[in-house]
Protein backbone atom coordinates (compact mmCIF):
# COMPACT_ATOMS: atom_id res chain seq x y z
CA UNK A 1 25.72 1.05 -4.33
CA UNK A 2 22.49 0.66 -6.34
CA UNK A 3 20.70 0.09 -3.06
CA UNK A 4 22.06 3.20 -1.59
CA UNK A 5 18.89 5.38 -2.62
CA UNK A 6 16.47 2.75 -1.10
CA UNK A 7 18.37 2.81 2.19
CA UNK A 8 18.12 6.62 2.38
CA UNK A 9 14.32 6.27 1.75
CA UNK A 10 13.91 4.05 4.99
CA UNK A 11 12.33 5.69 8.23
CA UNK A 12 15.33 4.17 10.22
CA UNK A 13 17.91 6.05 8.15
CA UNK A 14 16.03 9.28 8.19
CA UNK A 15 15.70 9.16 12.09
CA UNK A 16 19.52 8.07 11.96
CA UNK A 17 20.15 11.08 9.64
CA UNK A 18 18.17 13.18 12.00
CA UNK A 19 20.01 12.11 15.18
CA UNK A 20 23.32 12.51 13.48
CA UNK A 21 22.62 16.12 12.43
CA UNK A 22 21.58 16.81 15.98
CA UNK A 23 24.59 15.30 17.22
CA UNK A 24 27.04 17.10 14.88
CA UNK A 25 25.24 20.67 16.12
CA UNK A 26 25.52 19.51 19.72
CA UNK A 27 29.25 18.49 19.04
CA UNK A 28 29.96 21.73 17.24
CA UNK A 29 28.45 23.74 20.20
CA UNK A 30 30.54 21.72 22.62
CA UNK A 31 33.78 22.36 20.34
CA UNK A 32 33.12 26.20 20.45
CA UNK A 33 32.18 26.22 24.17
CA UNK A 34 35.23 24.44 25.43
CA UNK A 35 37.30 26.52 23.14
CA UNK A 36 36.02 29.75 24.60
CA UNK A 37 36.02 28.40 27.97
CA UNK A 38 39.50 27.48 27.89
CA UNK A 39 40.63 30.80 26.29
CA UNK A 40 38.90 32.66 28.88
CA UNK A 41 40.34 30.67 31.78
CA UNK A 42 43.62 31.15 30.43
CA UNK A 43 43.27 34.84 29.87
CA UNK A 44 42.10 35.24 33.48
CA UNK A 45 44.80 33.11 34.88
CA UNK A 46 47.58 35.30 32.94
CA UNK A 47 45.81 38.42 34.14
CA UNK A 48 46.08 37.38 37.51
CA UNK A 49 49.76 36.43 37.27
CA UNK A 50 50.54 39.81 35.53
CA UNK A 51 48.67 41.66 38.09
CA UNK A 52 50.63 39.84 40.96
CA UNK A 53 53.86 40.78 39.06
CA UNK A 54 52.86 44.54 38.80
CA UNK A 55 52.16 44.53 42.71
CA UNK A 56 55.45 42.82 43.39
CA UNK A 57 57.42 45.56 41.35
CA UNK A 58 55.34 48.34 43.00
CA UNK A 59 56.59 47.20 46.38
CA UNK A 60 60.09 47.15 45.35
CA UNK A 61 59.63 50.67 43.73
CA UNK A 62 58.19 52.02 47.05
CA UNK A 63 60.71 50.52 49.12
CA UNK A 64 64.21 51.20 47.13
CA UNK A 65 63.02 53.90 44.48
CA UNK A 66 63.85 53.90 40.90
CA UNK A 67 67.25 52.62 41.21
CA UNK A 68 65.94 49.16 42.98
CA UNK A 69 63.25 49.09 40.39
CA UNK A 70 65.58 49.30 37.51
CA UNK A 71 67.71 46.41 39.08
CA UNK A 72 64.77 44.16 39.66
CA UNK A 73 63.42 44.73 36.21
CA UNK A 74 66.84 44.18 34.79
CA UNK A 75 67.35 41.02 36.71
CA UNK A 76 63.89 39.54 35.88
CA UNK A 77 64.18 40.28 32.34
CA UNK A 78 67.05 37.94 32.03
CA UNK A 79 65.28 35.06 33.57
CA UNK A 80 63.80 32.66 30.94
CA UNK A 81 59.83 32.69 30.86
CA UNK A 82 57.14 34.35 29.13
CA UNK A 83 56.91 37.40 31.07
CA UNK A 84 57.65 40.82 29.38
CA UNK A 85 59.19 43.93 31.25
CA UNK A 86 59.89 47.40 29.97
CA UNK A 87 60.79 50.25 31.83
CA UNK A 88 60.73 53.74 29.91
CA UNK A 89 61.17 57.37 30.45
CA UNK A 90 58.24 59.62 30.04
CA UNK A 91 59.08 59.70 26.26
CA UNK A 92 59.10 55.92 25.59
CA UNK A 93 62.91 55.39 25.41
CA UNK A 94 63.54 51.74 27.09
CA UNK A 95 65.65 51.99 30.30
CA UNK A 96 65.45 48.30 31.25
CA UNK A 97 63.51 45.22 30.40
CA UNK A 98 63.51 42.49 27.46
CA UNK A 99 61.37 44.23 24.94
CA UNK A 100 63.16 45.59 21.89
CA UNK A 101 60.29 47.19 20.26
CA UNK A 102 56.54 47.32 20.46
CA UNK A 103 53.42 47.85 18.29
CA UNK A 104 52.78 51.63 18.31
CA UNK A 105 50.21 53.03 20.89
CA UNK A 106 50.60 50.43 23.41
CA UNK A 107 52.30 52.61 26.14
CA UNK A 108 49.99 55.68 25.39
CA UNK A 109 47.28 54.41 27.76
CA UNK A 110 47.29 53.17 31.42
CA UNK A 111 46.07 49.90 32.56
CA UNK A 112 45.42 46.90 30.43
CA UNK A 113 46.11 46.77 26.62
CA UNK A 114 42.56 46.83 25.03
CA UNK A 115 43.68 43.90 22.91
CA UNK A 116 46.80 41.59 22.33
CA UNK A 117 49.60 43.35 20.80
CA UNK A 118 52.79 42.73 18.57
CA UNK A 119 56.21 43.10 20.27
CA UNK A 120 59.86 41.99 19.68
CA UNK A 121 62.21 40.65 22.40
CA UNK A 122 65.80 41.47 22.48
CA UNK A 123 67.92 38.44 21.23
CA UNK A 124 65.17 37.19 18.54
CA UNK A 125 66.56 35.90 15.41
CA UNK A 126 64.50 38.52 13.45
CA UNK A 127 66.17 41.12 11.92
CA UNK A 128 65.91 44.86 12.90
CA UNK A 129 63.82 45.46 9.59
CA UNK A 130 61.45 42.59 10.33
CA UNK A 131 57.91 43.56 11.58
CA UNK A 132 56.88 43.21 15.07
CA UNK A 133 54.10 40.88 14.46
CA UNK A 134 55.88 37.70 15.32
CA UNK A 135 54.76 37.32 18.99
CA UNK A 136 51.53 38.62 20.85
CA UNK A 137 51.13 39.34 24.30
CA UNK A 138 48.91 41.14 26.84
CA UNK A 139 50.27 43.63 29.36
CA UNK A 140 49.41 46.31 31.98
CA UNK A 141 50.74 49.57 31.61
CA UNK A 142 51.47 51.52 34.95
CA UNK A 143 52.83 55.15 34.95
CA UNK A 144 54.97 55.78 38.15
CA UNK A 145 54.75 58.98 40.37
CA UNK A 146 57.89 60.16 38.74
CA UNK A 147 56.14 59.86 35.12
CA UNK A 148 58.46 56.85 34.27
CA UNK A 149 56.47 54.02 32.49
CA UNK A 150 56.51 50.50 33.40
CA UNK A 151 54.96 47.68 31.18
CA UNK A 152 54.29 44.06 32.65
CA UNK A 153 53.17 41.53 30.48
CA UNK A 154 53.11 38.01 29.21
CA UNK A 155 53.54 36.37 25.84
CA UNK A 156 50.39 34.49 24.56
CA UNK A 157 52.23 31.78 22.83
CA UNK A 158 51.67 29.06 25.14
CA UNK A 159 47.77 29.85 25.63
CA UNK A 160 47.20 30.09 22.07
CA UNK A 161 49.20 26.75 21.63
CA UNK A 162 46.81 25.15 24.19
CA UNK A 163 43.67 26.66 22.75
CA UNK A 164 44.93 25.43 19.25
CA UNK A 165 45.61 21.81 20.60
CA UNK A 166 42.03 21.83 22.26
CA UNK A 167 40.37 23.06 19.22
CA UNK A 168 42.25 20.39 17.12
CA UNK A 169 41.55 17.67 19.57
CA UNK A 170 37.80 18.56 19.68
CA UNK A 171 37.66 18.70 15.79
CA UNK A 172 39.34 15.54 15.46
CA UNK A 173 37.17 13.62 17.95
CA UNK A 174 34.22 15.49 16.24
CA UNK A 175 35.33 14.05 12.81
CA UNK A 176 35.87 10.57 14.07
CA UNK A 177 32.59 10.48 15.86
CA UNK A 178 30.76 11.98 12.77
CA UNK A 179 32.39 9.27 10.45
CA UNK A 180 31.42 6.57 13.02
CA UNK A 181 27.84 7.84 13.23
CA UNK A 182 27.60 7.96 9.43
CA UNK A 183 28.64 4.17 9.27
CA UNK A 184 26.17 3.36 12.03
CA UNK A 185 23.59 5.22 10.16
CA UNK A 186 24.52 3.49 7.13
CA UNK A 187 24.56 -0.07 8.47
CA UNK A 188 21.27 0.50 10.63
CA UNK A 189 19.36 1.57 7.35
CA UNK A 190 20.64 -1.35 5.44
CA UNK A 191 19.73 -3.66 8.28
CA UNK A 192 16.27 -2.15 8.41
CA UNK A 193 15.99 -2.18 4.76
CA UNK A 194 16.93 -6.02 4.90
CA UNK A 195 14.23 -6.71 7.31
CA UNK A 196 11.55 -4.75 5.20
CA UNK A 197 12.67 -6.53 2.22
CA UNK A 198 12.18 -9.85 3.85
CA UNK A 199 8.99 -8.96 5.23
CA UNK A 200 7.65 -7.66 1.52
CA UNK A 201 9.07 -10.80 0.06
CA UNK A 202 6.87 -12.95 2.58
CA UNK A 203 3.93 -10.77 1.89
CA UNK A 204 4.08 -11.20 -1.78
CA UNK A 205 4.13 -14.97 -1.28
CA UNK A 206 0.98 -14.63 1.03
CA UNK A 207 -0.73 -12.67 -1.34
CA UNK A 208 0.23 -15.12 -4.03
CA UNK A 209 -2.07 -17.55 -2.28
CA UNK A 210 0.55 -19.29 0.14
CA UNK A 211 -1.73 -18.71 3.45
CA UNK A 212 0.54 -20.98 5.32
CA UNK A 213 3.44 -18.56 4.83
CA UNK A 214 4.60 -16.33 7.90
CA UNK A 215 6.61 -13.17 8.05
CA UNK A 216 10.00 -13.72 9.38
CA UNK A 217 10.81 -13.19 13.16
CA UNK A 218 14.45 -12.96 14.18
CA UNK A 219 13.90 -13.35 17.95
CA UNK A 220 15.30 -9.79 18.83
CA UNK A 221 12.00 -8.63 20.10
CA UNK A 222 12.30 -5.28 18.52
CA UNK A 223 9.43 -3.39 16.81
CA UNK A 224 9.62 -5.57 13.54
CA UNK A 225 9.35 -8.71 15.64
CA UNK A 226 6.33 -7.36 17.40
CA UNK A 227 4.75 -6.22 14.07
CA UNK A 228 5.52 -9.56 12.43
CA UNK A 229 4.42 -11.52 15.61
CA UNK A 230 0.90 -9.51 15.21
CA UNK A 231 0.49 -10.21 11.51
CA UNK A 232 1.34 -13.84 11.93
CA UNK A 233 -1.41 -13.92 14.35
CA UNK A 234 -3.81 -12.20 12.03
CA UNK A 235 -2.64 -14.53 9.13
CA UNK A 236 -3.21 -17.69 11.43
CA UNK A 237 -6.59 -16.45 12.18
CA UNK A 238 -7.42 -15.86 8.55
CA UNK A 239 -6.03 -19.31 7.68
CA UNK A 240 -8.24 -20.98 10.45
CA UNK A 241 -11.24 -19.01 9.14
CA UNK A 242 -10.46 -20.03 5.58
CA UNK A 243 -10.05 -23.64 6.63
CA UNK A 244 -13.26 -23.79 8.69
CA UNK A 245 -15.13 -22.30 5.57
CA UNK A 246 -13.48 -24.85 3.45
CA UNK A 247 -14.61 -27.43 5.95
CA UNK A 248 -18.16 -26.02 6.26
CA UNK A 249 -18.52 -26.07 2.41
CA UNK A 250 -17.38 -29.75 2.09
CA UNK A 251 -19.89 -30.78 5.17
CA UNK A 252 -22.65 -28.85 3.43
CA UNK A 253 -22.10 -30.64 0.47
CA UNK A 254 -21.91 -34.06 1.99
CA UNK A 255 -24.26 -33.94 5.02
CA UNK A 256 -26.92 -31.92 3.62
CA UNK A 257 -27.12 -33.69 0.46
CA UNK A 258 -28.53 -36.74 1.80
CA UNK A 259 -31.68 -34.85 3.62
CA UNK A 260 -32.16 -32.84 0.41
CA UNK A 261 -32.23 -36.20 -2.04
CA UNK A 262 -34.47 -37.95 0.82
CA UNK A 263 -36.80 -34.78 0.61
CA UNK A 264 -36.91 -34.80 -3.20
CA UNK A 265 -37.28 -38.73 -3.65
CA UNK A 266 -40.34 -38.41 -0.94
CA UNK A 267 -41.90 -35.80 -2.95
CA UNK A 268 -41.37 -37.70 -6.16
CA UNK A 269 -42.72 -40.66 -4.77
CA UNK A 270 -46.07 -38.89 -3.30
CA UNK A 271 -46.60 -37.48 -6.79
CA UNK A 272 -45.83 -40.64 -8.82
CA UNK A 273 -49.24 -42.55 -7.62
CA UNK A 274 -52.67 -41.90 -6.80
CA UNK A 275 -53.01 -40.70 -3.25
CA UNK A 276 -55.76 -39.71 -0.93
CA UNK A 277 -55.77 -36.30 0.54
CA UNK A 278 -54.75 -37.54 3.66
CA UNK A 279 -51.78 -39.08 2.34
CA UNK A 280 -50.76 -35.92 0.27
CA UNK A 281 -51.19 -34.09 3.77
CA UNK A 282 -49.04 -36.36 5.46
CA UNK A 283 -46.30 -36.28 2.59
CA UNK A 284 -46.43 -32.43 2.91
CA UNK A 285 -46.27 -32.39 6.82
CA UNK A 286 -43.25 -34.56 6.45
CA UNK A 287 -41.49 -32.42 3.69
CA UNK A 288 -42.24 -29.37 6.08
CA UNK A 289 -40.72 -30.93 8.86
CA UNK A 290 -37.57 -32.10 6.86
CA UNK A 291 -37.47 -28.78 5.67
CA UNK A 292 -37.52 -26.85 9.07
CA UNK A 293 -34.68 -29.17 10.11
CA UNK A 294 -32.76 -28.00 7.25
CA UNK A 295 -33.49 -24.35 8.15
CA UNK A 296 -32.51 -24.98 11.47
CA UNK A 297 -29.24 -26.47 10.34
CA UNK A 298 -28.53 -23.58 8.06
CA UNK A 299 -29.23 -21.15 11.14
CA UNK A 300 -26.97 -23.04 13.14
CA UNK A 301 -24.02 -22.89 10.61
CA UNK A 302 -24.42 -18.92 10.35
CA UNK A 303 -24.64 -18.47 14.18
CA UNK A 304 -21.59 -20.57 14.44
CA UNK A 305 -19.69 -18.58 11.72
CA UNK A 306 -20.83 -15.08 13.05
CA UNK A 307 -19.65 -16.38 16.63
CA UNK A 308 -16.25 -17.91 15.36
CA UNK A 309 -15.67 -14.50 13.40
CA UNK A 310 -15.84 -12.53 16.58
CA UNK A 311 -19.13 -10.81 15.36
CA UNK A 312 -22.75 -11.16 16.58
CA UNK A 313 -25.63 -8.84 16.74
CA UNK A 314 -26.65 -10.50 20.02
CA UNK A 315 -26.62 -8.04 23.01
CA UNK A 316 -24.94 -8.99 26.20
CA UNK A 317 -26.25 -8.19 29.75
CA UNK A 318 -25.93 -9.54 33.32
CA UNK A 319 -27.31 -13.04 33.17
CA UNK A 320 -27.83 -15.54 36.01
CA UNK A 321 -26.30 -18.99 35.09
CA UNK A 322 -28.42 -20.87 37.61
CA UNK A 323 -31.48 -19.50 36.26
CA UNK A 324 -30.62 -20.78 32.93
CA UNK A 325 -29.80 -24.16 34.20
CA UNK A 326 -33.30 -24.44 35.83
CA UNK A 327 -35.10 -23.21 32.88
CA UNK A 328 -33.26 -25.86 30.46
CA UNK A 329 -33.68 -28.70 33.00
CA UNK A 330 -37.54 -27.66 33.05
CA UNK A 331 -37.66 -27.67 29.30
CA UNK A 332 -36.04 -31.02 28.75
CA UNK A 333 -37.61 -32.95 31.69
CA UNK A 334 -40.54 -34.18 29.62
CA UNK A 335 -38.07 -35.53 26.81
CA UNK A 336 -35.96 -37.03 29.47
CA UNK A 337 -38.81 -38.81 31.02
CA UNK A 338 -40.11 -40.04 27.95
CA UNK A 339 -36.65 -41.51 26.84
CA UNK A 340 -36.25 -43.05 30.33
CA UNK A 341 -33.64 -40.79 31.51
CA UNK A 342 -33.26 -39.11 35.05
CA UNK A 343 -32.59 -35.53 34.48
CA UNK A 344 -31.36 -33.65 37.77
CA UNK A 345 -30.01 -30.28 38.55
CA UNK A 346 -27.21 -29.37 41.09
CA UNK A 347 -26.60 -25.56 42.06
CA UNK A 348 -23.70 -25.19 44.15
CA UNK A 349 -22.80 -21.67 43.40
CA UNK A 350 -24.41 -18.08 42.59
CA UNK A 351 -23.30 -17.26 39.20
CA UNK A 352 -23.90 -14.22 37.29
CA UNK A 353 -22.01 -13.09 34.35
CA UNK A 354 -21.99 -10.58 31.55
CA UNK A 355 -23.24 -12.71 28.58
CA UNK A 356 -26.05 -13.41 26.27
CA UNK A 357 -28.74 -15.40 27.96
CA UNK A 358 -30.34 -16.76 24.64
CA UNK A 359 -27.11 -18.04 23.14
CA UNK A 360 -25.91 -19.63 26.37
CA UNK A 361 -29.48 -21.29 26.77
CA UNK A 362 -29.29 -22.65 23.42
CA UNK A 363 -25.63 -24.07 23.90
CA UNK A 364 -26.80 -25.64 27.09
CA UNK A 365 -29.77 -27.10 25.58
CA UNK A 366 -27.70 -28.64 22.69
CA UNK A 367 -25.48 -30.34 25.59
CA UNK A 368 -28.38 -31.42 27.52
CA UNK A 369 -30.16 -32.76 24.36
CA UNK A 370 -26.96 -34.84 23.17
CA UNK A 371 -26.56 -36.25 26.84
CA UNK A 372 -30.24 -37.53 26.91
CA UNK A 373 -30.12 -38.81 23.38
CA UNK A 374 -26.91 -40.76 23.95
CA UNK A 375 -27.51 -42.00 27.39
CA UNK A 376 -30.83 -43.49 26.83
CA UNK A 377 -30.69 -47.18 27.59
CA UNK A 378 -27.51 -47.05 29.66
CA UNK A 379 -27.31 -50.10 31.82
CA UNK A 380 -28.55 -49.34 35.43
CA UNK A 381 -30.63 -46.73 34.19
CA UNK A 382 -29.65 -43.60 32.46
CA UNK A 383 -28.81 -40.37 34.40
CA UNK A 384 -28.04 -36.72 33.02
CA UNK A 385 -27.01 -34.26 35.83
CA UNK A 386 -26.71 -30.62 34.98
CA UNK A 387 -24.63 -28.70 37.67
CA UNK A 388 -22.90 -25.35 38.07
CA UNK A 389 -19.98 -24.71 40.53
CA UNK A 390 -17.07 -22.36 41.04
CA UNK A 391 -13.48 -23.30 40.72
CA UNK A 392 -10.42 -21.14 40.52
CA UNK A 393 -12.75 -18.06 40.18
CA UNK A 394 -14.14 -19.63 37.13
CA UNK A 395 -17.83 -20.80 36.67
CA UNK A 396 -18.29 -24.30 35.53
CA UNK A 397 -21.66 -25.02 33.88
CA UNK A 398 -21.51 -28.83 33.28
CA UNK A 399 -23.47 -31.76 32.07
CA UNK A 400 -22.66 -35.06 32.95
CA UNK A 401 -24.17 -38.55 31.77
CA UNK A 402 -23.59 -42.11 32.10
CA UNK A 403 -23.95 -42.97 28.55
CA UNK A 404 -21.24 -44.55 26.18
CA UNK A 405 -18.89 -41.30 26.50
CA UNK A 406 -16.43 -40.28 23.76
CA UNK A 407 -13.02 -41.73 23.30
CA UNK A 408 -10.17 -39.31 24.43
CA UNK A 409 -8.60 -38.98 20.76
CA UNK A 410 -12.24 -38.04 19.55
CA UNK A 411 -13.09 -35.32 21.73
CA UNK A 412 -11.20 -32.63 19.89
CA UNK A 413 -12.93 -33.70 16.78
CA UNK A 414 -16.52 -34.17 18.39
CA UNK A 415 -16.60 -30.24 18.47
CA UNK A 416 -16.07 -29.66 14.71
CA UNK A 417 -19.03 -28.91 12.53
CA UNK A 418 -20.95 -31.88 11.15
CA UNK A 419 -18.88 -34.42 13.01
CA UNK A 420 -20.89 -37.45 14.25
CA UNK A 421 -18.80 -40.15 15.78
CA UNK A 422 -21.97 -42.65 15.69
CA UNK A 423 -21.13 -44.22 12.33
CA UNK A 424 -24.68 -45.75 12.17
CA UNK A 425 -26.15 -42.24 12.42
CA UNK A 426 -29.24 -43.79 13.56
CA UNK A 427 -29.86 -40.98 16.06
CA UNK A 428 -31.35 -37.67 14.57
CA UNK A 429 -29.04 -34.77 14.46
CA UNK A 430 -26.81 -32.69 12.29
CA UNK A 431 -23.51 -32.91 14.22
CA UNK A 432 -23.52 -29.07 15.17
CA UNK A 433 -24.63 -29.06 18.85
CA UNK A 434 -20.99 -29.22 20.43
CA UNK A 435 -19.80 -27.02 17.58
CA UNK A 436 -22.39 -24.19 18.36
CA UNK A 437 -21.59 -24.60 22.26
CA UNK A 438 -17.91 -24.35 21.47
CA UNK A 439 -18.65 -20.93 19.31
CA UNK A 440 -20.81 -19.74 22.07
CA UNK A 441 -18.04 -20.24 24.65
CA UNK A 442 -15.45 -18.42 22.21
CA UNK A 443 -18.05 -15.55 21.94
CA UNK A 444 -17.97 -15.36 25.60
CA UNK A 445 -14.31 -15.49 26.24
CA UNK A 446 -14.53 -19.05 27.83
CA UNK A 447 -13.96 -22.71 26.68
CA UNK A 448 -15.89 -25.85 26.15
CA UNK A 449 -14.21 -28.75 27.93
CA UNK A 450 -14.85 -32.45 27.42
CA UNK A 451 -13.70 -35.07 29.86
CA UNK A 452 -14.37 -38.62 30.68
CA UNK A 453 -16.52 -40.23 33.42
CA UNK A 454 -16.69 -44.19 34.44
CA UNK A 455 -18.89 -44.56 32.59
CA UNK A 456 -20.14 -41.48 30.35
CA UNK A 457 -19.05 -38.11 29.58
CA UNK A 458 -18.65 -34.47 31.31
CA UNK A 459 -19.20 -31.55 29.08
CA UNK A 460 -18.32 -28.29 30.99
CA UNK A 461 -18.87 -24.75 29.85
CA UNK A 462 -16.32 -22.83 31.66
CA UNK A 463 -16.69 -19.01 31.89
CA UNK A 464 -13.47 -16.98 32.93
CA UNK A 465 -13.53 -14.91 36.04
CA UNK A 466 -14.98 -11.51 35.70
CA UNK A 467 -14.27 -8.47 38.00
CA UNK A 468 -13.38 -9.20 41.35
């Protein structure tokens, strides 16, 4: 019971309590309505039967006079039932009927009695001195042309008993439903509190540093599951970003330490001996070139981080992928020719998308640069083909070469930051080219796909369908 106050503070319990109150109010209105409706229906039915009986006696009086009316009233009074008959003289003295005494004032007004009245029948077990409030009835009082008075009524015992039964049944049903609703309210609140407690416990573990933890999902698909799934997705994204940050930090520590050490040693060696002005200039120019490479590396790291985080100050507009392809091919033709690589372009589709021209151009340049670099010296002549095609509504901007390619088991790793599959690292580079291309495609809602060729590698930038 110590958890009961906490249950009452849950939103589910409050909503259940509100629904319980609304249900109770509705049920109460239903009880009152059904009771009053049954009473009204029974009353109307009773009045109709009394009116029919009065009309029947009137016909006997018209056809046979007072003597026949007395005989009929006496005869019907002896029959069992709930009807009341009373025939009196103008002063109210009984002549025939089954009513021994009436509540005072009943016979003074013709027509329907204004309210139910008390009476006593002949043969009741009550003593003469007993009050006449043991039975209640309604009646119609008719004054005959000879000033005689006839009263025809019906006892209300059966209608009142039926009304009482209806009221008790509805009240019992209301009580049972109320008890059931209370238990449902209690268990729903407790279940909701249990779910919230489990989510809170998981949240505490996550806040304690366990980013691999996840909020519980029961599989029911309710609002708690949807909330947990969304938060789990957010935690997975945060975990991926943290892993990426850790990886970047480790890679910076390992991969940038070598060029910085080389730069320092070169400057130190230059300052150690006596050099000519030309030698000093050469050493400074080499240091500047090394520094520029480091700056480009850091800029690439920052760009990748912004793109992977879903934020970039780069604006998007309608761009023509075919135009970007032509510009990149034209830019790298001299470098390809110098490396002995045949660089060709194939345009098989008109491709205009919403994107950032500079980012796409930079990503394609990195891929083309890698293809030229690693395909140079291939047997039969190095070839790099840049193409654009439309497949299943998606635009595929691909770069194919006939170099050594990348083994299937290493293709996912090849798109990570600072990953260089060339163990000797004789080729220049920082291992950020494919990683930047992948980040650019993530920014544009696309993907970077690597597939093998015989021989070589095909790298495709896949832009999703846009519009119609």
